[in-house]
Amino acid sequence: QVQLVGSGGGLVQAGGSVRLSCAASGGTFSNYAMGWFRQAPGKEREFVARISYTGGSTYYADSVKGRFTISRDNAKNTVYLQMNSLKPEDTAVYYCAADGQTHYNSQYYRAAEYDYWGQGTQVTVSS
C-alpha cells in the first residue's frame, strides 16, 4: 500500500510559478510511474503529466507542454511538478498518482490506470 501526500499549492498571480511536491511512503517508490492530474470545479479530472519509474521518460498534456516540468527524486521518494507561466485556467486541485506498471503504458493519460492517489492540493491562479 502506497501513501501519497501532496504539498506546495497556493495562490499565485498569472505568469507566476509554483512547485508541487508529492511524497510517497509504504512502498518501493522506484517501482512506480508517477503522474499528476488536476480537476477544476465542475470539470472532470484531467491528465497533466507523467514520469516513468526511472525518470527517463516524461509525458505532458498539450495544455501544459513547455510550461510544466515533472521530475522525481527516487532517493527522496518524491515527485515534483514545476509549474511556470501559470494561467487562470490552470486553477484546479492537483493530484499526484502512482501507477504500478513498470512497462510502457499507452493509456497513461487515463486516471483509471493509476493505483494510488494523493489527497490533492489546491492551486489558484489569479488574473
Foldseek 3Di string as FASTA:
>chain_A
DKAKAKDWADEAAAQAKTKMKIAIDDDQLLLWKKFKWWDDPPGDIWGAKIAASVRPDMDGDPVQPPFWDWGDDSVRRMIMIIGGNDDQVVWTWMKMFIANDRDDDPVVGDPVRTDDIHPTDTHGYHD
